[in-house]
PDB file of N, CA and C in Angstrom:
ATOM      1  N   UNK A   1      84.466-111.043 -65.759  1.00  0.00           N
ATOM      2  CA  UNK A   1      84.406-111.758 -64.493  1.00  0.00           C
ATOM      3  C   UNK A   1      83.637-110.903 -63.491  1.00  0.00           C
ATOM      4  N   UNK A   2      82.696-111.514 -62.836  1.00  0.00           N
ATOM      5  CA  UNK A   2      81.872-110.816 -61.854  1.00  0.00           C
ATOM      6  C   UNK A   2      81.950-111.544 -60.515  1.00  0.00           C
ATOM      7  N   UNK A   3      81.918-110.805 -59.433  1.00  0.00           N
ATOM      8  CA  UNK A   3      81.933-111.407 -58.097  1.00  0.00           C
ATOM      9  C   UNK A   3      80.670-110.978 -57.369  1.00  0.00           C
ATOM     10  N   UNK A   4      79.951-111.963 -56.834  1.00  0.00           N
ATOM     11  CA  UNK A   4      78.765-111.702 -56.015  1.00  0.00           C
ATOM     12  C   UNK A   4      79.102-112.086 -54.579  1.00  0.00           C
ATOM     13  N   UNK A   5      78.733-111.216 -53.640  1.00  0.00           N
ATOM     14  CA  UNK A   5      79.028-111.466 -52.224  1.00  0.00           C
ATOM     15  C   UNK A   5      77.761-111.409 -51.400  1.00  0.00           C
ATOM     16  N   UNK A   6      77.704-112.300 -50.445  1.00  0.00           N
ATOM     17  CA  UNK A   6      76.594-112.317 -49.491  1.00  0.00           C
ATOM     18  C   UNK A   6      77.149-112.773 -48.144  1.00  0.00           C
ATOM     19  N   UNK A   7      77.248-111.837 -47.200  1.00  0.00           N
ATOM     20  CA  UNK A   7      77.832-112.138 -45.901  1.00  0.00           C
ATOM     21  C   UNK A   7      76.863-111.787 -44.787  1.00  0.00           C
ATOM     22  N   UNK A   8      76.708-112.688 -43.849  1.00  0.00           N
ATOM     23  CA  UNK A   8      75.903-112.430 -42.660  1.00  0.00           C
ATOM     24  C   UNK A   8      76.694-111.530 -41.711  1.00  0.00           C
ATOM     25  N   UNK A   9      75.991-110.876 -40.796  1.00  0.00           N
ATOM     26  CA  UNK A   9      76.633-109.949 -39.862  1.00  0.00           C
ATOM     27  C   UNK A   9      77.222-110.624 -38.628  1.00  0.00           C
ATOM     28  N   UNK A  10      76.750-111.819 -38.292  1.00  0.00           N
ATOM     29  CA  UNK A  10      77.105-112.443 -37.011  1.00  0.00           C
ATOM     30  C   UNK A  10      78.215-113.485 -37.146  1.00  0.00           C
ATOM     31  N   UNK A  11      79.236-113.188 -37.955  1.00  0.00           N
ATOM     32  CA  UNK A  11      80.287-114.161 -38.212  1.00  0.00           C
ATOM     33  C   UNK A  11      81.533-113.843 -37.405  1.00  0.00           C
ATOM     34  N   UNK A  12      81.886-114.750 -36.525  1.00  0.00           N
ATOM     35  CA  UNK A  12      83.123-114.649 -35.774  1.00  0.00           C
ATOM     36  C   UNK A  12      83.839-115.984 -35.868  1.00  0.00           C
ATOM     37  N   UNK A  13      85.091-115.937 -36.297  1.00  0.00           N
ATOM     38  CA  UNK A  13      85.891-117.149 -36.338  1.00  0.00           C
ATOM     39  C   UNK A  13      87.186-116.900 -35.584  1.00  0.00           C
ATOM     40  N   UNK A  14      87.835-117.969 -35.167  1.00  0.00           N
ATOM     41  CA  UNK A  14      88.992-117.827 -34.302  1.00  0.00           C
ATOM     42  C   UNK A  14      90.277-117.512 -35.062  1.00  0.00           C
ATOM     43  N   UNK A  15      90.388-117.876 -36.336  1.00  0.00           N
ATOM     44  CA  UNK A  15      91.641-117.693 -37.047  1.00  0.00           C
ATOM     45  C   UNK A  15      91.378-117.077 -38.426  1.00  0.00           C
ATOM     46  N   UNK A  16      91.385-115.764 -38.476  1.00  0.00           N
ATOM     47  CA  UNK A  16      91.073-115.069 -39.723  1.00  0.00           C
ATOM     48  C   UNK A  16      92.164-115.252 -40.772  1.00  0.00           C
ATOM     49  N   UNK A  17      93.423-115.404 -40.357  1.00  0.00           N
ATOM     50  CA  UNK A  17      94.499-115.625 -41.312  1.00  0.00           C
ATOM     51  C   UNK A  17      94.312-116.952 -42.047  1.00  0.00           C
ATOM     52  N   UNK A  18      93.924-117.970 -41.317  1.00  0.00           N
ATOM     53  CA  UNK A  18      93.682-119.272 -41.932  1.00  0.00           C
ATOM     54  C   UNK A  18      92.523-119.186 -42.916  1.00  0.00           C
ATOM     55  N   UNK A  19      91.476-118.486 -42.527  1.00  0.00           N
ATOM     56  CA  UNK A  19      90.325-118.324 -43.408  1.00  0.00           C
ATOM     57  C   UNK A  19      90.727-117.575 -44.678  1.00  0.00           C
ATOM     58  N   UNK A  20      91.542-116.554 -44.547  1.00  0.00           N
ATOM     59  CA  UNK A  20      92.019-115.809 -45.708  1.00  0.00           C
ATOM     60  C   UNK A  20      92.760-116.734 -46.669  1.00  0.00           C
ATOM     61  N   UNK A  21      93.613-117.591 -46.155  1.00  0.00           N
ATOM     62  CA  UNK A  21      94.363-118.538 -46.987  1.00  0.00           C
ATOM     63  C   UNK A  21      93.411-119.479 -47.724  1.00  0.00           C
ATOM     64  N   UNK A  22      92.420-119.995 -47.019  1.00  0.00           N
ATOM     65  CA  UNK A  22      91.447-120.920 -47.601  1.00  0.00           C
ATOM     66  C   UNK A  22      90.678-120.243 -48.724  1.00  0.00           C
ATOM     67  N   UNK A  23      90.069-119.113 -48.413  1.00  0.00           N
ATOM     68  CA  UNK A  23      89.188-118.450 -49.372  1.00  0.00           C
ATOM     69  C   UNK A  23      89.974-117.904 -50.560  1.00  0.00           C
ATOM     70  N   UNK A  24      91.165-117.345 -50.335  1.00  0.00           N
ATOM     71  CA  UNK A  24      91.934-116.807 -51.459  1.00  0.00           C
ATOM     72  C   UNK A  24      92.348-117.913 -52.420  1.00  0.00           C
ATOM     73  N   UNK A  25      92.683-119.091 -51.907  1.00  0.00           N
ATOM     74  CA  UNK A  25      93.024-120.213 -52.781  1.00  0.00           C
ATOM     75  C   UNK A  25      91.817-120.649 -53.598  1.00  0.00           C
ATOM     76  N   UNK A  26      90.658-120.737 -52.962  1.00  0.00           N
ATOM     77  CA  UNK A  26      89.453-121.161 -53.679  1.00  0.00           C
ATOM     78  C   UNK A  26      89.030-120.116 -54.715  1.00  0.00           C
ATOM     79  N   UNK A  27      89.187-118.836 -54.398  1.00  0.00           N
ATOM     80  CA  UNK A  27      88.864-117.783 -55.368  1.00  0.00           C
ATOM     81  C   UNK A  27      89.814-117.854 -56.561  1.00  0.00           C
ATOM     82  N   UNK A  28      91.099-118.061 -56.309  1.00  0.00           N
ATOM     83  CA  UNK A  28      92.077-118.178 -57.396  1.00  0.00           C
ATOM     84  C   UNK A  28      91.711-119.350 -58.313  1.00  0.00           C
ATOM     85  N   UNK A  29      91.363-120.494 -57.728  1.00  0.00           N
ATOM     86  CA  UNK A  29      90.961-121.648 -58.530  1.00  0.00           C
ATOM     87  C   UNK A  29      89.698-121.352 -59.333  1.00  0.00           C
ATOM     88  N   UNK A  30      88.741-120.662 -58.724  1.00  0.00           N
ATOM     89  CA  UNK A  30      87.499-120.318 -59.422  1.00  0.00           C
ATOM     90  C   UNK A  30      87.787-119.397 -60.601  1.00  0.00           C
ATOM     91  N   UNK A  31      88.645-118.414 -60.394  1.00  0.00           N
ATOM     92  CA  UNK A  31      89.015-117.485 -61.467  1.00  0.00           C
ATOM     93  C   UNK A  31      89.677-118.234 -62.616  1.00  0.00           C
ATOM     94  N   UNK A  32      90.583-119.139 -62.299  1.00  0.00           N
ATOM     95  CA  UNK A  32      91.263-119.912 -63.341  1.00  0.00           C
ATOM     96  C   UNK A  32      90.277-120.800 -64.099  1.00  0.00           C
ATOM     97  N   UNK A  33      89.317-121.372 -63.393  1.00  0.00           N
ATOM     98  CA  UNK A  33      88.314-122.218 -64.036  1.00  0.00           C
ATOM     99  C   UNK A  33      87.457-121.410 -65.005  1.00  0.00           C
ATOM    100  N   UNK A  34      87.086-120.216 -64.599  1.00  0.00           N
ATOM    101  CA  UNK A  34      86.296-119.338 -65.473  1.00  0.00           C
ATOM    102  C   UNK A  34      87.119-118.933 -66.689  1.00  0.00           C
ATOM    103  N   UNK A  35      88.388-118.624 -66.481  1.00  0.00           N
ATOM    104  CA  UNK A  35      89.255-118.250 -67.599  1.00  0.00           C
ATOM    105  C   UNK A  35      89.380-119.399 -68.599  1.00  0.00           C
ATOM    106  N   UNK A  36      89.476-120.639 -68.097  1.00  0.00           N
ATOM    107  CA  UNK A  36      89.564-121.808 -68.973  1.00  0.00           C
ATOM    108  C   UNK A  36      88.249-122.071 -69.711  1.00  0.00           C
ATOM    109  N   UNK A  37      87.185-121.457 -69.236  1.00  0.00           N
ATOM    110  CA  UNK A  37      85.860-121.654 -69.825  1.00  0.00           C
ATOM    111  C   UNK A  37      85.439-120.428 -70.649  1.00  0.00           C
ATOM    112  N   UNK A  38      86.393-119.669 -71.123  1.00  0.00           N
ATOM    113  CA  UNK A  38      86.081-118.523 -71.972  1.00  0.00           C
ATOM    114  C   UNK A  38      86.205-117.168 -71.312  1.00  0.00           C
ATOM    115  N   UNK A  39      86.435-117.123 -70.020  1.00  0.00           N
ATOM    116  CA  UNK A  39      86.695-115.868 -69.343  1.00  0.00           C
ATOM    117  C   UNK A  39      85.484-115.083 -68.870  1.00  0.00           C
ATOM    118  N   UNK A  40      84.304-115.533 -69.195  1.00  0.00           N
ATOM    119  CA  UNK A  40      83.107-114.827 -68.723  1.00  0.00           C
ATOM    120  C   UNK A  40      82.409-115.717 -67.705  1.00  0.00           C
ATOM    121  N   UNK A  41      82.155-115.169 -66.546  1.00  0.00           N
ATOM    122  CA  UNK A  41      81.486-115.952 -65.526  1.00  0.00           C
ATOM    123  C   UNK A  41      81.409-115.202 -64.222  1.00  0.00           C
ATOM    124  N   UNK A  42      80.939-115.911 -63.218  1.00  0.00           N
ATOM    125  CA  UNK A  42      80.700-115.315 -61.911  1.00  0.00           C
ATOM    126  C   UNK A  42      81.314-116.170 -60.817  1.00  0.00           C
ATOM    127  N   UNK A  43      81.916-115.502 -59.845  1.00  0.00           N
ATOM    128  CA  UNK A  43      82.362-116.148 -58.613  1.00  0.00           C
ATOM    129  C   UNK A  43      81.410-115.703 -57.519  1.00  0.00           C
ATOM    130  N   UNK A  44      80.862-116.646 -56.798  1.00  0.00           N
ATOM    131  CA  UNK A  44      79.964-116.338 -55.698  1.00  0.00           C
ATOM    132  C   UNK A  44      80.636-116.608 -54.365  1.00  0.00           C
ATOM    133  N   UNK A  45      80.528-115.661 -53.460  1.00  0.00           N
ATOM    134  CA  UNK A  45      81.064-115.799 -52.108  1.00  0.00           C
ATOM    135  C   UNK A  45      79.912-115.640 -51.129  1.00  0.00           C
ATOM    136  N   UNK A  46      79.723-116.618 -50.293  1.00  0.00           N
ATOM    137  CA  UNK A  46      78.620-116.581 -49.333  1.00  0.00           C
ATOM    138  C   UNK A  46      79.153-117.024 -47.977  1.00  0.00           C
ATOM    139  N   UNK A  47      78.785-116.309 -46.940  1.00  0.00           N
ATOM    140  CA  UNK A  47      79.169-116.676 -45.579  1.00  0.00           C
ATOM    141  C   UNK A  47      77.963-116.469 -44.674  1.00  0.00           C
ATOM    142  N   UNK A  48      77.644-117.493 -43.922  1.00  0.00           N
ATOM    143  CA  UNK A  48      76.509-117.410 -43.014  1.00  0.00           C
ATOM    144  C   UNK A  48      76.764-118.297 -41.798  1.00  0.00           C
ATOM    145  N   UNK A  49      75.992-118.053 -40.788  1.00  0.00           N
ATOM    146  CA  UNK A  49      76.101-118.864 -39.574  1.00  0.00           C
ATOM    147  C   UNK A  49      74.893-119.775 -39.490  1.00  0.00           C
ATOM    148  N   UNK A  50      75.163-121.053 -39.216  1.00  0.00           N
ATOM    149  CA  UNK A  50      74.101-122.022 -38.972  1.00  0.00           C
ATOM    150  C   UNK A  50      74.428-122.714 -37.652  1.00  0.00           C
ATOM    151  N   UNK A  51      73.585-122.462 -36.667  1.00  0.00           N
ATOM    152  CA  UNK A  51      73.812-122.966 -35.311  1.00  0.00           C
ATOM    153  C   UNK A  51      75.190-122.538 -34.827  1.00  0.00           C
ATOM    154  N   UNK A  52      76.077-123.484 -34.555  1.00  0.00           N
ATOM    155  CA  UNK A  52      77.388-123.152 -34.006  1.00  0.00           C
ATOM    156  C   UNK A  52      78.498-123.243 -35.044  1.00  0.00           C
ATOM    157  N   UNK A  53      78.131-123.133 -36.326  1.00  0.00           N
ATOM    158  CA  UNK A  53      79.120-123.213 -37.395  1.00  0.00           C
ATOM    159  C   UNK A  53      79.003-122.020 -38.335  1.00  0.00           C
ATOM    160  N   UNK A  54      80.142-121.633 -38.871  1.00  0.00           N
ATOM    161  CA  UNK A  54      80.178-120.643 -39.937  1.00  0.00           C
ATOM    162  C   UNK A  54      80.361-121.421 -41.233  1.00  0.00           C
ATOM    163  N   UNK A  55      79.508-121.142 -42.196  1.00  0.00           N
ATOM    164  CA  UNK A  55      79.522-121.832 -43.481  1.00  0.00           C
ATOM    165  C   UNK A  55      79.981-120.839 -44.550  1.00  0.00           C
ATOM    166  N   UNK A  56      81.023-121.196 -45.261  1.00  0.00           N
ATOM    167  CA  UNK A  56      81.530-120.397 -46.368  1.00  0.00           C
ATOM    168  C   UNK A  56      81.333-121.184 -47.652  1.00  0.00           C
ATOM    169  N   UNK A  57      80.844-120.520 -48.673  1.00  0.00           N
ATOM    170  CA  UNK A  57      80.724-121.154 -49.976  1.00  0.00           C
ATOM    171  C   UNK A  57      81.425-120.278 -51.006  1.00  0.00           C
ATOM    172  N   UNK A  58      82.234-120.933 -51.824  1.00  0.00           N
ATOM    173  CA  UNK A  58      82.862-120.280 -52.965  1.00  0.00           C
ATOM    174  C   UNK A  58      82.399-121.060 -54.184  1.00  0.00           C
ATOM    175  N   UNK A  59      81.635-120.387 -55.044  1.00  0.00           N
ATOM    176  CA  UNK A  59      81.110-121.054 -56.231  1.00  0.00           C
ATOM    177  C   UNK A  59      81.581-120.316 -57.474  1.00  0.00           C
ATOM    178  N   UNK A  60      81.549-121.024 -58.586  1.00  0.00           N
ATOM    179  CA  UNK A  60      81.928-120.393 -59.847  1.00  0.00           C
ATOM    180  C   UNK A  60      81.103-120.984 -60.977  1.00  0.00           C
ATOM    181  N   UNK A  61      81.110-120.280 -62.087  1.00  0.00           N
ATOM    182  CA  UNK A  61      80.429-120.736 -63.300  1.00  0.00           C
ATOM    183  C   UNK A  61      81.460-121.169 -64.333  1.00  0.00           C
ATOM    184  N   UNK A  62      82.567-121.701 -63.848  1.00  0.00           N
ATOM    185  CA  UNK A  62      83.648-122.153 -64.720  1.00  0.00           C
ATOM    186  C   UNK A  62      83.351-123.489 -65.363  1.00  0.00           C
ATOM    187  N   UNK A  63      84.415-124.194 -65.736  1.00  0.00           N
ATOM    188  CA  UNK A  63      84.274-125.430 -66.503  1.00  0.00           C
ATOM    189  C   UNK A  63      83.856-126.626 -65.655  1.00  0.00           C
ATOM    190  N   UNK A  64      83.854-126.497 -64.358  1.00  0.00           N
ATOM    191  CA  UNK A  64      83.504-127.624 -63.496  1.00  0.00           C
ATOM    192  C   UNK A  64      84.673-128.569 -63.310  1.00  0.00           C
ATOM    193  N   UNK A  65      84.461-129.587 -62.515  1.00  0.00           N
ATOM    194  CA  UNK A  65      85.494-130.571 -62.223  1.00  0.00           C
ATOM    195  C   UNK A  65      84.988-131.919 -62.703  1.00  0.00           C
ATOM    196  N   UNK A  66      85.804-132.605 -63.455  1.00  0.00           N
ATOM    197  CA  UNK A  66      85.465-133.931 -63.938  1.00  0.00           C
ATOM    198  C   UNK A  66      85.117-134.832 -62.750  1.00  0.00           C
ATOM    199  N   UNK A  67      84.080-135.643 -62.919  1.00  0.00           N
ATOM    200  CA  UNK A  67      83.599-136.507 -61.832  1.00  0.00           C
ATOM    201  C   UNK A  67      84.707-137.408 -61.291  1.00  0.00           C
ATOM    202  N   UNK A  68      85.575-137.915 -62.142  1.00  0.00           N
ATOM    203  CA  UNK A  68      86.692-138.747 -61.689  1.00  0.00           C
ATOM    204  C   UNK A  68      87.685-137.924 -60.884  1.00  0.00           C
ATOM    205  N   UNK A  69      87.934-136.692 -61.315  1.00  0.00           N
ATOM    206  CA  UNK A  69      88.906-135.835 -60.646  1.00  0.00           C
ATOM    207  C   UNK A  69      88.452-135.434 -59.247  1.00  0.00           C
ATOM    208  N   UNK A  70      87.134-135.316 -59.054  1.00  0.00           N
ATOM    209  CA  UNK A  70      86.611-134.908 -57.741  1.00  0.00           C
ATOM    210  C   UNK A  70      87.124-135.829 -56.643  1.00  0.00           C
ATOM    211  N   UNK A  71      87.318-137.097 -56.961  1.00  0.00           N
ATOM    212  CA  UNK A  71      87.782-138.075 -55.973  1.00  0.00           C
ATOM    213  C   UNK A  71      89.201-137.779 -55.481  1.00  0.00           C
ATOM    214  N   UNK A  72      89.987-137.059 -56.282  1.00  0.00           N
ATOM    215  CA  UNK A  72      91.410-136.875 -55.980  1.00  0.00           C
ATOM    216  C   UNK A  72      91.831-135.439 -55.725  1.00  0.00           C
ATOM    217  N   UNK A  73      90.933-134.475 -55.861  1.00  0.00           N
ATOM    218  CA  UNK A  73      91.371-133.074 -55.841  1.00  0.00           C
ATOM    219  C   UNK A  73      92.008-132.621 -54.530  1.00  0.00           C
ATOM    220  N   UNK A  74      91.730-133.313 -53.432  1.00  0.00           N
ATOM    221  CA  UNK A  74      92.337-132.925 -52.163  1.00  0.00           C
ATOM    222  C   UNK A  74      93.617-133.706 -51.871  1.00  0.00           C
ATOM    223  N   UNK A  75      94.008-134.608 -52.767  1.00  0.00           N
ATOM    224  CA  UNK A  75      95.237-135.386 -52.590  1.00  0.00           C
ATOM    225  C   UNK A  75      96.457-134.525 -52.915  1.00  0.00           C
ATOM    226  N   UNK A  76      97.510-134.592 -52.077  1.00  0.00           N
ATOM    227  CA  UNK A  76      98.723-133.830 -52.379  1.00  0.00           C
ATOM    228  C   UNK A  76      99.298-134.221 -53.739  1.00  0.00           C
ATOM    229  N   UNK A  77      99.730-133.234 -54.485  1.00  0.00           N
ATOM    230  CA  UNK A  77     100.384-133.362 -55.783  1.00  0.00           C
ATOM    231  C   UNK A  77      99.459-133.794 -56.912  1.00  0.00           C
ATOM    232  N   UNK A  78      98.160-133.890 -56.655  1.00  0.00           N
ATOM    233  CA  UNK A  78      97.220-134.178 -57.749  1.00  0.00           C
ATOM    234  C   UNK A  78      96.863-132.855 -58.414  1.00  0.00           C
ATOM    235  N   UNK A  79      97.027-132.779 -59.721  1.00  0.00           N
ATOM    236  CA  UNK A  79      96.686-131.566 -60.445  1.00  0.00           C
ATOM    237  C   UNK A  79      96.198-131.898 -61.846  1.00  0.00           C
ATOM    238  N   UNK A  80      95.341-131.045 -62.352  1.00  0.00           N
ATOM    239  CA  UNK A  80      94.912-131.138 -63.745  1.00  0.00           C
ATOM    240  C   UNK A  80      95.441-129.942 -64.524  1.00  0.00           C
ATOM    241  N   UNK A  81      96.182-129.077 -63.845  1.00  0.00           N
ATOM    242  CA  UNK A  81      96.710-127.856 -64.471  1.00  0.00           C
ATOM    243  C   UNK A  81      98.103-128.121 -65.036  1.00  0.00           C
ATOM    244  N   UNK A  82      98.371-127.518 -66.173  1.00  0.00           N
ATOM    245  CA  UNK A  82      99.658-127.711 -66.832  1.00  0.00           C
ATOM    246  C   UNK A  82     100.832-127.312 -65.945  1.00  0.00           C
ATOM    247  N   UNK A  83     100.704-126.195 -65.234  1.00  0.00           N
ATOM    248  CA  UNK A  83     101.795-125.725 -64.378  1.00  0.00           C
ATOM    249  C   UNK A  83     101.435-125.800 -62.892  1.00  0.00           C
ATOM    250  N   UNK A  84     100.470-126.632 -62.537  1.00  0.00           N
ATOM    251  CA  UNK A  84     100.049-126.726 -61.145  1.00  0.00           C
ATOM    252  C   UNK A  84     100.954-127.613 -60.322  1.00  0.00           C
ATOM    253  N   UNK A  85     100.985-127.354 -59.018  1.00  0.00           N
ATOM    254  CA  UNK A  85     101.781-128.178 -58.107  1.00  0.00           C
ATOM    255  C   UNK A  85     100.945-129.267 -57.452  1.00  0.00           C
ATOM    256  N   UNK A  86      99.629-129.076 -57.435  1.00  0.00           N
ATOM    257  CA  UNK A  86      98.767-130.041 -56.772  1.00  0.00           C
ATOM    258  C   UNK A  86      98.768-129.897 -55.265  1.00  0.00           C
ATOM    259  N   UNK A  87      99.193-128.757 -54.778  1.00  0.00           N
ATOM    260  CA  UNK A  87      99.247-128.561 -53.323  1.00  0.00           C
ATOM    261  C   UNK A  87      98.149-127.650 -52.795  1.00  0.00           C
ATOM    262  N   UNK A  88      97.583-126.796 -53.628  1.00  0.00           N
ATOM    263  CA  UNK A  88      96.616-125.807 -53.159  1.00  0.00           C
ATOM    264  C   UNK A  88      95.454-126.394 -52.390  1.00  0.00           C
ATOM    265  N   UNK A  89      94.709-127.292 -52.999  1.00  0.00           N
ATOM    266  CA  UNK A  89      93.524-127.839 -52.330  1.00  0.00           C
ATOM    267  C   UNK A  89      93.880-128.792 -51.197  1.00  0.00           C
ATOM    268  N   UNK A  90      95.022-129.471 -51.283  1.00  0.00           N
ATOM    269  CA  UNK A  90      95.413-130.335 -50.169  1.00  0.00           C
ATOM    270  C   UNK A  90      95.761-129.484 -48.948  1.00  0.00           C
ATOM    271  N   UNK A  91      96.388-128.333 -49.169  1.00  0.00           N
ATOM    272  CA  UNK A  91      96.693-127.413 -48.063  1.00  0.00           C
ATOM    273  C   UNK A  91      95.408-126.819 -47.503  1.00  0.00           C
ATOM    274  N   UNK A  92      94.499-126.419 -48.393  1.00  0.00           N
ATOM    275  CA  UNK A  92      93.208-125.891 -47.944  1.00  0.00           C
ATOM    276  C   UNK A  92      92.520-126.903 -47.034  1.00  0.00           C
ATOM    277  N   UNK A  93      92.492-128.159 -47.455  1.00  0.00           N
ATOM    278  CA  UNK A  93      91.823-129.195 -46.644  1.00  0.00           C
ATOM    279  C   UNK A  93      92.500-129.341 -45.280  1.00  0.00           C
ATOM    280  N   UNK A  94      93.826-129.335 -45.247  1.00  0.00           N
ATOM    281  CA  UNK A  94      94.546-129.460 -43.971  1.00  0.00           C
ATOM    282  C   UNK A  94      94.229-128.281 -43.044  1.00  0.00           C
ATOM    283  N   UNK A  95      94.169-127.074 -43.611  1.00  0.00           N
ATOM    284  CA  UNK A  95      93.859-125.897 -42.791  1.00  0.00           C
ATOM    285  C   UNK A  95      92.441-125.997 -42.249  1.00  0.00           C
ATOM    286  N   UNK A  96      91.490-126.384 -43.098  1.00  0.00           N
ATOM    287  CA  UNK A  96      90.102-126.534 -42.650  1.00  0.00           C
ATOM    288  C   UNK A  96      90.032-127.557 -41.524  1.00  0.00           C
ATOM    289  N   UNK A  97      90.706-128.685 -41.688  1.00  0.00           N
ATOM    290  CA  UNK A  97      90.703-129.715 -40.647  1.00  0.00           C
ATOM    291  C   UNK A  97      91.378-129.232 -39.367  1.00  0.00           C
ATOM    292  N   UNK A  98      92.405-128.379 -39.487  1.00  0.00           N
ATOM    293  CA  UNK A  98      93.069-127.852 -38.287  1.00  0.00           C
ATOM    294  C   UNK A  98      92.149-126.928 -37.495  1.00  0.00           C
ATOM    295  N   UNK A  99      91.110-126.400 -38.178  1.00  0.00           N
ATOM    296  CA  UNK A  99      90.106-125.561 -37.516  1.00  0.00           C
ATOM    297  C   UNK A  99      88.894-126.377 -37.069  1.00  0.00           C
ATOM    298  N   UNK A 100      89.044-127.714 -37.068  1.00  0.00           N
ATOM    299  CA  UNK A 100      87.956-128.635 -36.728  1.00  0.00           C
ATOM    300  C   UNK A 100      86.776-128.490 -37.681  1.00  0.00           C
ATOM    301  N   UNK A 101      87.085-128.207 -38.940  1.00  0.00           N
ATOM    302  CA  UNK A 101      86.041-128.018 -39.932  1.00  0.00           C
ATOM    303  C   UNK A 101      86.015-129.108 -40.977  1.00  0.00           C
ATOM    304  N   UNK A 102      85.137-128.915 -41.945  1.00  0.00           N
ATOM    305  CA  UNK A 102      84.984-129.841 -43.063  1.00  0.00           C
ATOM    306  C   UNK A 102      84.895-129.043 -44.352  1.00  0.00           C
ATOM    307  N   UNK A 103      85.348-129.653 -45.449  1.00  0.00           N
ATOM    308  CA  UNK A 103      85.226-129.043 -46.765  1.00  0.00           C
ATOM    309  C   UNK A 103      84.638-130.074 -47.716  1.00  0.00           C
ATOM    310  N   UNK A 104      83.704-129.631 -48.536  1.00  0.00           N
ATOM    311  CA  UNK A 104      83.112-130.497 -49.552  1.00  0.00           C
ATOM    312  C   UNK A 104      83.083-129.735 -50.878  1.00  0.00           C
ATOM    313  N   UNK A 105      82.928-130.482 -51.949  1.00  0.00           N
ATOM    314  CA  UNK A 105      82.837-129.878 -53.275  1.00  0.00           C
ATOM    315  C   UNK A 105      81.708-130.561 -54.027  1.00  0.00           C
ATOM    316  N   UNK A 106      81.025-129.775 -54.849  1.00  0.00           N
ATOM    317  CA  UNK A 106      79.990-130.349 -55.719  1.00  0.00           C
ATOM    318  C   UNK A 106      79.995-129.612 -57.047  1.00  0.00           C
ATOM    319  N   UNK A 107      79.739-130.350 -58.086  1.00  0.00           N
ATOM    320  CA  UNK A 107      79.567-129.745 -59.400  1.00  0.00           C
ATOM    321  C   UNK A 107      78.180-129.142 -59.450  1.00  0.00           C
ATOM    322  N   UNK A 108      78.077-127.952 -60.009  1.00  0.00           N
ATOM    323  CA  UNK A 108      76.784-127.303 -60.166  1.00  0.00           C
ATOM    324  C   UNK A 108      76.118-127.822 -61.428  1.00  0.00           C
ATOM    325  N   UNK A 109      74.808-127.857 -61.424  1.00  0.00           N
ATOM    326  CA  UNK A 109      74.113-128.304 -62.621  1.00  0.00           C
ATOM    327  C   UNK A 109      74.416-127.338 -63.752  1.00  0.00           C
ATOM    328  N   UNK A 110      74.829-127.853 -64.861  1.00  0.00           N
ATOM    329  CA  UNK A 110      75.192-127.008 -65.997  1.00  0.00           C
ATOM    330  C   UNK A 110      76.680-126.777 -66.069  1.00  0.00           C
ATOM    331  N   UNK A 111      77.218-126.001 -65.128  1.00  0.00           N
ATOM    332  CA  UNK A 111      78.656-125.740 -65.141  1.00  0.00           C
ATOM    333  C   UNK A 111      79.097-125.180 -63.800  1.00  0.00           C
ATOM    334  N   UNK A 112      80.376-125.291 -63.560  1.00  0.00           N
ATOM    335  CA  UNK A 112      80.945-124.710 -62.355  1.00  0.00           C
ATOM    336  C   UNK A 112      80.940-125.646 -61.164  1.00  0.00           C
ATOM    337  N   UNK A 113      81.485-125.135 -60.078  1.00  0.00           N
ATOM    338  CA  UNK A 113      81.583-125.909 -58.846  1.00  0.00           C
ATOM    339  C   UNK A 113      81.268-125.023 -57.649  1.00  0.00           C
ATOM    340  N   UNK A 114      80.979-125.677 -56.532  1.00  0.00           N
ATOM    341  CA  UNK A 114      80.812-124.980 -55.263  1.00  0.00           C
ATOM    342  C   UNK A 114      81.613-125.727 -54.201  1.00  0.00           C
ATOM    343  N   UNK A 115      82.490-124.994 -53.528  1.00  0.00           N
ATOM    344  CA  UNK A 115      83.203-125.526 -52.373  1.00  0.00           C
ATOM    345  C   UNK A 115      82.509-124.982 -51.137  1.00  0.00           C
ATOM    346  N   UNK A 116      82.201-125.866 -50.192  1.00  0.00           N
ATOM    347  CA  UNK A 116      81.553-125.481 -48.942  1.00  0.00           C
ATOM    348  C   UNK A 116      82.458-125.829 -47.789  1.00  0.00           C
ATOM    349  N   UNK A 117      82.717-124.834 -46.954  1.00  0.00           N
ATOM    350  CA  UNK A 117      83.563-125.000 -45.775  1.00  0.00           C
ATOM    351  C   UNK A 117      82.693-124.749 -44.552  1.00  0.00           C
ATOM    352  N   UNK A 118      82.752-125.651 -43.602  1.00  0.00           N
ATOM    353  CA  UNK A 118      82.023-125.486 -42.355  1.00  0.00           C
ATOM    354  C   UNK A 118      83.043-125.537 -41.215  1.00  0.00           C
ATOM    355  N   UNK A 119      83.112-124.455 -40.438  1.00  0.00           N
ATOM    356  CA  UNK A 119      84.010-124.428 -39.290  1.00  0.00           C
ATOM    357  C   UNK A 119      83.250-123.937 -38.064  1.00  0.00           C
ATOM    358  N   UNK A 120      83.671-124.397 -36.878  1.00  0.00           N
ATOM    359  CA  UNK A 120      82.996-123.939 -35.669  1.00  0.00           C
ATOM    360  C   UNK A 120      83.086-122.426 -35.520  1.00  0.00           C
ATOM    361  N   UNK A 121      81.992-121.830 -35.103  1.00  0.00           N
ATOM    362  CA  UNK A 121      81.959-120.383 -34.868  1.00  0.00           C
ATOM    363  C   UNK A 121      82.650-120.071 -33.564  1.00  0.00           C
ATOM    364  N   UNK A 122      83.250-118.914 -33.515  1.00  0.00           N
ATOM    365  CA  UNK A 122      83.901-118.420 -32.305  1.00  0.00           C
ATOM    366  C   UNK A 122      82.844-117.635 -31.532  1.00  0.00           C
ATOM    367  N   UNK A 123      82.523-118.091 -30.335  1.00  0.00           N
ATOM    368  CA  UNK A 123      81.455-117.440 -29.567  1.00  0.00           C
ATOM    369  C   UNK A 123      81.993-116.454 -28.575  1.00  0.00           C
TER     370      UNK A 123
END
């Protein structure tokens, strides 16, 4: 498992604890996805500022998310994991929304996924 990081210098957000919760959940999911796909892969972490927003991306080279499942992954209690609760991504979405932000997900060509979080920058 490899982690690649790319962070801009001009990032200020108002609630670092909330961001930690969001990113740690997405990293945990990415790690589990890579493990389910043979255990070899990369997690990418990127943070940059675009205009008045901070954009965070967590990507992985794991097994990806089934196109049907993408529609439900933010729903409470929806899970594809044998021992999952289905609360992780629904909580992440609620936290992002509480920061006046947005979260999206896309399957990467070939394999893996990328979650993109956009939240207002703290000026």
